[in-house]
C-alpha atoms as a PDB file:
ATOM      1  CA  MET A   1     -39.535 -23.427 -22.970  1.00  0.00           C
ATOM      2  CA  ASP A   2     -39.646 -21.021 -20.008  1.00  0.00           C
ATOM      3  CA  GLN A   3     -35.829 -20.991 -19.845  1.00  0.00           C
ATOM      4  CA  LEU A   4     -35.568 -20.116 -23.539  1.00  0.00           C
ATOM      5  CA  ASP A   5     -38.185 -17.381 -23.174  1.00  0.00           C
ATOM      6  CA  ALA A   6     -36.191 -15.892 -20.291  1.00  0.00           C
ATOM      7  CA  ILE A   7     -32.984 -15.887 -22.335  1.00  0.00           C
ATOM      8  CA  PHE A   8     -34.562 -14.199 -25.347  1.00  0.00           C
ATOM      9  CA  GLN A   9     -36.255 -11.589 -23.185  1.00  0.00           C
ATOM     10  CA  MET A  10     -32.763 -10.623 -21.985  1.00  0.00           C
ATOM     11  CA  LYS A  11     -31.248 -10.347 -25.471  1.00  0.00           C
ATOM     12  CA  ALA A  12     -30.856  -6.589 -25.273  1.00  0.00           C
ATOM     13  CA  GLN A  13     -28.737  -6.949 -22.133  1.00  0.00           C
ATOM     14  CA  PHE A  14     -26.050  -9.046 -23.810  1.00  0.00           C
ATOM     15  CA  TYR A  15     -22.912  -7.354 -25.081  1.00  0.00           C
ATOM     16  CA  PRO A  16     -22.902  -6.939 -28.915  1.00  0.00           C
ATOM     17  CA  GLY A  17     -21.219  -9.929 -30.518  1.00  0.00           C
ATOM     18  CA  SER A  18     -22.032 -12.269 -27.615  1.00  0.00           C
ATOM     19  CA  LYS A  19     -22.587 -15.891 -28.536  1.00  0.00           C
ATOM     20  CA  ILE A  20     -25.323 -17.848 -26.761  1.00  0.00           C
ATOM     21  CA  ILE A  21     -25.105 -21.643 -26.889  1.00  0.00           C
ATOM     22  CA  ILE A  22     -28.364 -23.481 -26.277  1.00  0.00           C
ATOM     23  CA  THR A  23     -28.575 -27.253 -25.905  1.00  0.00           C
ATOM     24  CA  THR A  24     -31.895 -29.040 -26.224  1.00  0.00           C
ATOM     25  CA  ARG A  25     -33.438 -32.346 -27.259  1.00  0.00           C
ATOM     26  CA  ARG A  26     -36.227 -30.432 -29.032  1.00  0.00           C
ATOM     27  CA  ALA A  27     -35.127 -28.801 -32.264  1.00  0.00           C
ATOM     28  CA  ARG A  28     -38.567 -27.243 -32.782  1.00  0.00           C
ATOM     29  CA  LEU A  29     -38.045 -24.956 -29.783  1.00  0.00           C
ATOM     30  CA  LEU A  30     -35.101 -23.381 -31.587  1.00  0.00           C
ATOM     31  CA  LYS A  31     -37.177 -22.807 -34.721  1.00  0.00           C
ATOM     32  CA  ALA A  32     -39.897 -21.174 -32.620  1.00  0.00           C
ATOM     33  CA  HIS A  33     -37.315 -18.636 -31.421  1.00  0.00           C
ATOM     34  CA  GLN A  34     -35.894 -18.130 -34.920  1.00  0.00           C
ATOM     35  CA  VAL A  35     -32.513 -19.619 -34.081  1.00  0.00           C
ATOM     36  CA  THR A  36     -30.841 -19.893 -37.478  1.00  0.00           C
ATOM     37  CA  GLU A  37     -27.642 -21.805 -36.731  1.00  0.00           C
ATOM     38  CA  VAL A  38     -28.494 -25.279 -35.463  1.00  0.00           C
ATOM     39  CA  TYR A  39     -25.901 -28.033 -35.135  1.00  0.00           C
ATOM     40  CA  ALA A  40     -26.736 -31.675 -34.563  1.00  0.00           C
ATOM     41  CA  VAL A  41     -24.273 -33.292 -32.158  1.00  0.00           C
ATOM     42  CA  GLY A  42     -23.191 -36.661 -33.505  1.00  0.00           C
ATOM     43  CA  THR A  43     -21.986 -39.725 -31.673  1.00  0.00           C
ATOM     44  CA  LEU A  44     -18.358 -40.156 -30.593  1.00  0.00           C
ATOM     45  CA  THR A  45     -15.743 -42.183 -32.423  1.00  0.00           C
ATOM     46  CA  GLN A  46     -14.460 -45.395 -30.865  1.00  0.00           C
ATOM     47  CA  GLU A  47     -11.317 -43.615 -29.663  1.00  0.00           C
ATOM     48  CA  GLU A  48     -13.265 -40.690 -28.196  1.00  0.00           C
ATOM     49  CA  SER A  49     -15.740 -43.083 -26.578  1.00  0.00           C
ATOM     50  CA  LEU A  50     -13.007 -45.104 -24.887  1.00  0.00           C
ATOM     51  CA  GLU A  51     -11.381 -41.917 -23.586  1.00  0.00           C
ATOM     52  CA  LEU A  52     -14.635 -40.537 -22.137  1.00  0.00           C
ATOM     53  CA  PHE A  53     -15.528 -43.909 -20.624  1.00  0.00           C
ATOM     54  CA  SER A  54     -12.054 -44.176 -19.077  1.00  0.00           C
ATOM     55  CA  TRP A  55     -12.278 -40.768 -17.412  1.00  0.00           C
ATOM     56  CA  HIS A  56     -15.403 -41.918 -15.573  1.00  0.00           C
ATOM     57  CA  ALA A  57     -14.310 -45.504 -14.920  1.00  0.00           C
ATOM     58  CA  PHE A  58     -10.623 -44.940 -14.074  1.00  0.00           C
ATOM     59  CA  GLY A  59     -10.122 -41.193 -13.602  1.00  0.00           C
ATOM     60  CA  GLN A  60      -7.717 -41.089 -16.565  1.00  0.00           C
ATOM     61  CA  ASP A  61      -7.929 -41.015 -20.358  1.00  0.00           C
ATOM     62  CA  HIS A  62      -7.226 -44.737 -20.935  1.00  0.00           C
ATOM     63  CA  PRO A  63      -8.203 -48.048 -19.328  1.00  0.00           C
ATOM     64  CA  VAL A  64      -6.084 -49.832 -16.724  1.00  0.00           C
ATOM     65  CA  GLU A  65      -4.194 -52.689 -18.413  1.00  0.00           C
ATOM     66  CA  ASP A  66      -6.204 -55.600 -16.964  1.00  0.00           C
ATOM     67  CA  TYR A  67      -9.476 -53.884 -17.910  1.00  0.00           C
ATOM     68  CA  ILE A  68      -8.737 -53.002 -21.552  1.00  0.00           C
ATOM     69  CA  GLU A  69     -10.697 -55.855 -23.148  1.00  0.00           C
ATOM     70  CA  TYR A  70     -13.770 -55.344 -20.966  1.00  0.00           C
ATOM     71  CA  SER A  71     -13.603 -51.583 -21.461  1.00  0.00           C
ATOM     72  CA  GLU A  72     -13.600 -51.938 -25.244  1.00  0.00           C
ATOM     73  CA  LYS A  73     -16.551 -54.339 -25.189  1.00  0.00           C
ATOM     74  CA  LEU A  74     -18.552 -52.120 -22.837  1.00  0.00           C
ATOM     75  CA  VAL A  75     -17.801 -49.072 -24.968  1.00  0.00           C
ATOM     76  CA  ASP A  76     -19.075 -50.940 -28.036  1.00  0.00           C
ATOM     77  CA  HIS A  77     -22.450 -51.337 -26.333  1.00  0.00           C
ATOM     78  CA  CYS A  78     -22.716 -47.562 -25.835  1.00  0.00           C
ATOM     79  CA  GLY A  79     -22.647 -46.816 -29.557  1.00  0.00           C
ATOM     80  CA  GLY A  80     -20.780 -43.535 -29.137  1.00  0.00           C
ATOM     81  CA  LEU A  81     -23.481 -42.011 -26.916  1.00  0.00           C
ATOM     82  CA  PRO A  82     -21.805 -39.759 -24.293  1.00  0.00           C
ATOM     83  CA  LEU A  83     -24.617 -40.158 -21.769  1.00  0.00           C
ATOM     84  CA  ALA A  84     -24.321 -43.950 -21.837  1.00  0.00           C
ATOM     85  CA  LEU A  85     -20.519 -43.855 -21.596  1.00  0.00           C
ATOM     86  CA  LYS A  86     -20.672 -41.562 -18.565  1.00  0.00           C
ATOM     87  CA  VAL A  87     -23.341 -43.604 -16.740  1.00  0.00           C
ATOM     88  CA  LEU A  88     -21.716 -46.963 -17.441  1.00  0.00           C
ATOM     89  CA  GLY A  89     -18.182 -45.810 -16.645  1.00  0.00           C
ATOM     90  CA  SER A  90     -19.211 -44.170 -13.371  1.00  0.00           C
ATOM     91  CA  SER A  91     -21.102 -47.293 -12.270  1.00  0.00           C
ATOM     92  CA  LEU A  92     -17.927 -49.410 -12.589  1.00  0.00           C
ATOM     93  CA  LEU A  93     -15.450 -47.037 -10.953  1.00  0.00           C
ATOM     94  CA  GLY A  94     -13.316 -48.913  -8.418  1.00  0.00           C
ATOM     95  CA  GLU A  95     -15.052 -52.266  -9.000  1.00  0.00           C
ATOM     96  CA  SER A  96     -13.346 -55.647  -9.357  1.00  0.00           C
ATOM     97  CA  ILE A  97     -12.709 -57.393 -12.656  1.00  0.00           C
ATOM     98  CA  CYS A  98     -15.298 -60.019 -11.660  1.00  0.00           C
ATOM     99  CA  LEU A  99     -17.973 -57.355 -11.334  1.00  0.00           C
ATOM    100  CA  TRP A 100     -16.956 -55.889 -14.703  1.00  0.00           C
ATOM    101  CA  LYS A 101     -17.352 -59.290 -16.315  1.00  0.00           C
ATOM    102  CA  SER A 102     -20.776 -59.712 -14.727  1.00  0.00           C
ATOM    103  CA  ALA A 103     -21.830 -56.211 -15.798  1.00  0.00           C
ATOM    104  CA  LEU A 104     -20.850 -56.963 -19.386  1.00  0.00           C
ATOM    105  CA  GLU A 105     -22.769 -60.251 -19.401  1.00  0.00           C
ATOM    106  CA  LYS A 106     -25.844 -58.511 -17.989  1.00  0.00           C
ATOM    107  CA  LEU A 107     -25.588 -55.664 -20.502  1.00  0.00           C
ATOM    108  CA  GLU A 108     -25.516 -58.171 -23.353  1.00  0.00           C
ATOM    109  CA  ALA A 109     -28.842 -59.564 -22.111  1.00  0.00           C
ATOM    110  CA  ILE A 110     -30.639 -56.601 -20.503  1.00  0.00           C
ATOM    111  CA  PRO A 111     -30.300 -52.831 -21.193  1.00  0.00           C
ATOM    112  CA  ASN A 112     -28.758 -50.783 -18.373  1.00  0.00           C
ATOM    113  CA  GLY A 113     -31.643 -49.425 -16.269  1.00  0.00           C
ATOM    114  CA  GLU A 114     -30.083 -46.055 -15.443  1.00  0.00           C
ATOM    115  CA  ILE A 115     -29.247 -45.357 -19.086  1.00  0.00           C
ATOM    116  CA  ILE A 116     -32.773 -46.348 -20.148  1.00  0.00           C
ATOM    117  CA  ASN A 117     -34.308 -44.038 -17.525  1.00  0.00           C
ATOM    118  CA  LYS A 118     -32.249 -41.070 -18.727  1.00  0.00           C
ATOM    119  CA  LEU A 119     -33.020 -41.734 -22.383  1.00  0.00           C
ATOM    120  CA  ARG A 120     -36.706 -42.168 -21.566  1.00  0.00           C
ATOM    121  CA  VAL A 121     -37.043 -38.443 -20.829  1.00  0.00           C
ATOM    122  CA  SER A 122     -37.460 -37.814 -24.558  1.00  0.00           C
ATOM    123  CA  TYR A 123     -40.040 -40.585 -24.899  1.00  0.00           C
ATOM    124  CA  ASP A 124     -42.027 -39.372 -21.883  1.00  0.00           C
ATOM    125  CA  SER A 125     -42.050 -35.825 -23.298  1.00  0.00           C
ATOM    126  CA  LEU A 126     -44.065 -36.944 -26.339  1.00  0.00           C
ATOM    127  CA  GLN A 127     -47.412 -35.234 -26.062  1.00  0.00           C
ATOM    128  CA  ASP A 128     -49.841 -37.981 -27.063  1.00  0.00           C
ATOM    129  CA  ASP A 129     -50.256 -41.743 -27.179  1.00  0.00           C
ATOM    130  CA  HIS A 130     -50.169 -41.791 -30.992  1.00  0.00           C
ATOM    131  CA  ASP A 131     -46.563 -40.598 -31.014  1.00  0.00           C
ATOM    132  CA  ARG A 132     -45.573 -42.957 -28.200  1.00  0.00           C
ATOM    133  CA  LYS A 133     -47.111 -45.945 -29.970  1.00  0.00           C
ATOM    134  CA  LEU A 134     -45.520 -44.874 -33.253  1.00  0.00           C
ATOM    135  CA  PHE A 135     -42.113 -44.789 -31.560  1.00  0.00           C
ATOM    136  CA  LEU A 136     -42.621 -48.284 -30.120  1.00  0.00           C
ATOM    137  CA  HIS A 137     -43.733 -49.631 -33.500  1.00  0.00           C
ATOM    138  CA  ILE A 138     -40.637 -48.233 -35.195  1.00  0.00           C
ATOM    139  CA  ALA A 139     -38.342 -49.479 -32.415  1.00  0.00           C
ATOM    140  CA  CYS A 140     -39.705 -53.007 -32.706  1.00  0.00           C
ATOM    141  CA  PHE A 141     -40.342 -53.390 -36.433  1.00  0.00           C
ATOM    142  CA  PHE A 142     -39.286 -50.548 -38.740  1.00  0.00           C
ATOM    143  CA  VAL A 143     -35.735 -49.367 -37.972  1.00  0.00           C
ATOM    144  CA  GLY A 144     -33.799 -48.970 -41.231  1.00  0.00           C
ATOM    145  CA  MET A 145     -36.875 -49.065 -43.459  1.00  0.00           C
ATOM    146  CA  ASP A 146     -38.025 -46.477 -46.003  1.00  0.00           C
ATOM    147  CA  LYS A 147     -40.049 -43.641 -44.530  1.00  0.00           C
ATOM    148  CA  ASP A 148     -42.672 -43.931 -47.302  1.00  0.00           C
ATOM    149  CA  TYR A 149     -43.131 -47.628 -46.542  1.00  0.00           C
ATOM    150  CA  ILE A 150     -43.611 -46.931 -42.830  1.00  0.00           C
ATOM    151  CA  VAL A 151     -46.143 -44.188 -43.632  1.00  0.00           C
ATOM    152  CA  ARG A 152     -48.063 -46.477 -45.980  1.00  0.00           C
ATOM    153  CA  ILE A 153     -48.290 -49.273 -43.391  1.00  0.00           C
ATOM    154  CA  LEU A 154     -48.985 -47.256 -40.238  1.00  0.00           C
ATOM    155  CA  ASP A 155     -51.310 -44.616 -41.697  1.00  0.00           C
ATOM    156  CA  GLY A 156     -53.742 -47.496 -42.139  1.00  0.00           C
ATOM    157  CA  CYS A 157     -53.707 -47.828 -38.336  1.00  0.00           C
ATOM    158  CA  ASP A 158     -54.566 -44.124 -37.806  1.00  0.00           C
ATOM    159  CA  PHE A 159     -51.079 -43.138 -36.651  1.00  0.00           C
ATOM    160  CA  TYR A 160     -50.815 -39.839 -38.590  1.00  0.00           C
ATOM    161  CA  THR A 161     -47.356 -41.074 -39.400  1.00  0.00           C
ATOM    162  CA  ILE A 162     -45.832 -38.124 -41.262  1.00  0.00           C
ATOM    163  CA  VAL A 163     -46.393 -35.623 -38.451  1.00  0.00           C
ATOM    164  CA  GLY A 164     -45.623 -38.348 -35.892  1.00  0.00           C
ATOM    165  CA  ILE A 165     -42.199 -39.089 -37.394  1.00  0.00           C
ATOM    166  CA  GLN A 166     -41.445 -35.370 -37.425  1.00  0.00           C
ATOM    167  CA  ASN A 167     -42.304 -35.228 -33.712  1.00  0.00           C
ATOM    168  CA  LEU A 168     -39.927 -38.143 -33.068  1.00  0.00           C
ATOM    169  CA  ILE A 169     -37.185 -36.369 -35.012  1.00  0.00           C
ATOM    170  CA  ASP A 170     -37.847 -33.227 -32.968  1.00  0.00           C
ATOM    171  CA  ARG A 171     -37.268 -35.261 -29.771  1.00  0.00           C
ATOM    172  CA  CYS A 172     -34.089 -36.834 -31.228  1.00  0.00           C
ATOM    173  CA  LEU A 173     -35.661 -40.298 -31.044  1.00  0.00           C
ATOM    174  CA  VAL A 174     -35.249 -41.077 -34.751  1.00  0.00           C
ATOM    175  CA  THR A 175     -33.246 -39.689 -37.642  1.00  0.00           C
ATOM    176  CA  ILE A 176     -33.675 -39.770 -41.416  1.00  0.00           C
ATOM    177  CA  ILE A 177     -30.642 -40.748 -43.485  1.00  0.00           C
ATOM    178  CA  ASP A 178     -29.947 -38.002 -46.041  1.00  0.00           C
ATOM    179  CA  GLY A 179     -30.445 -39.154 -49.600  1.00  0.00           C
ATOM    180  CA  TRP A 180     -31.914 -42.503 -48.572  1.00  0.00           C
ATOM    181  CA  ASP A 181     -35.064 -41.439 -46.709  1.00  0.00           C
ATOM    182  CA  LYS A 182     -34.658 -44.337 -44.281  1.00  0.00           C
ATOM    183  CA  VAL A 183     -35.695 -44.070 -40.646  1.00  0.00           C
ATOM    184  CA  GLN A 184     -32.862 -44.822 -38.237  1.00  0.00           C
ATOM    185  CA  MET A 185     -32.619 -45.066 -34.467  1.00  0.00           C
ATOM    186  CA  HIS A 186     -29.636 -45.325 -32.133  1.00  0.00           C
ATOM    187  CA  ASP A 187     -29.219 -48.878 -30.815  1.00  0.00           C
ATOM    188  CA  LEU A 188     -29.690 -47.753 -27.194  1.00  0.00           C
ATOM    189  CA  ILE A 189     -32.852 -45.822 -28.032  1.00  0.00           C
ATOM    190  CA  ARG A 190     -34.188 -48.837 -29.910  1.00  0.00           C
ATOM    191  CA  GLY A 191     -33.304 -50.961 -26.869  1.00  0.00           C
ATOM    192  CA  MET A 192     -35.187 -48.502 -24.672  1.00  0.00           C
ATOM    193  CA  GLY A 193     -38.287 -48.853 -26.848  1.00  0.00           C
ATOM    194  CA  ARG A 194     -38.189 -52.625 -26.723  1.00  0.00           C
ATOM    195  CA  GLU A 195     -37.615 -52.545 -22.973  1.00  0.00           C
ATOM    196  CA  ILE A 196     -40.683 -50.315 -22.551  1.00  0.00           C
ATOM    197  CA  VAL A 197     -42.737 -52.856 -24.490  1.00  0.00           C
ATOM    198  CA  ARG A 198     -41.341 -55.696 -22.386  1.00  0.00           C
ATOM    199  CA  LEU A 199     -42.144 -53.931 -19.120  1.00  0.00           C
ATOM    200  CA  GLU A 200     -45.617 -52.770 -20.128  1.00  0.00           C
ATOM    201  CA  SER A 201     -46.866 -56.052 -21.525  1.00  0.00           C
ATOM    202  CA  LYS A 202     -47.080 -59.546 -20.058  1.00  0.00           C
ATOM    203  CA  GLU A 203     -46.950 -60.843 -23.627  1.00  0.00           C
ATOM    204  CA  PRO A 204     -44.711 -58.316 -25.464  1.00  0.00           C
ATOM    205  CA  TRP A 205     -44.660 -60.379 -28.660  1.00  0.00           C
ATOM    206  CA  LYS A 206     -48.414 -59.708 -28.921  1.00  0.00           C
ATOM    207  CA  ARG A 207     -48.030 -55.995 -28.179  1.00  0.00           C
ATOM    208  CA  TYR A 208     -49.305 -54.824 -31.540  1.00  0.00           C
ATOM    209  CA  GLU A 209     -51.304 -57.676 -32.925  1.00  0.00           C
ATOM    210  CA  ASN A 210     -54.627 -55.843 -32.486  1.00  0.00           C
ATOM    211  CA  ASN A 211     -53.483 -52.606 -34.168  1.00  0.00           C
END
């Protein structure tokens, strides 16, 4: 917020016609500063993902021949998320094929800790426990379901669901599918939510039974 305030206080000093590009995980900050042109950055295609991953894993735009199969499988787990592709690729740079195989097997069972920690910034920035608990509920039980259904169920648990979902959208933790009104979440973000539940509870399957 302070960085945005500083930029807008300097508006008069920019040359007429200058374009200022602001990146943020919080869309509401842009609205507060009356930014009118907002673009949501989507995930990468499979081809783009493999290229970005390869730059970090091999220092070139394609995988080394013996690593193609593992590269494609690892890229699939990243779901087109640039942050995940960069972290995972960099962690495997210069490593043996045996380590790659082990990394893939581990990733299929346990989310990558460094990726989870970087994604968790958005979760930790939520301002109250209601929104955090709402996110964990959605991650564990409600991904892909109708927004109205989620509101009907969770409002009975005092979650203030409508404003809570909007706060999650503002932090880029969930999205609403246009025309379908279904709540969606990137696979890695959903994995982060479930990992938080697993780490915070000795009996994660009972995490919500008293709510």
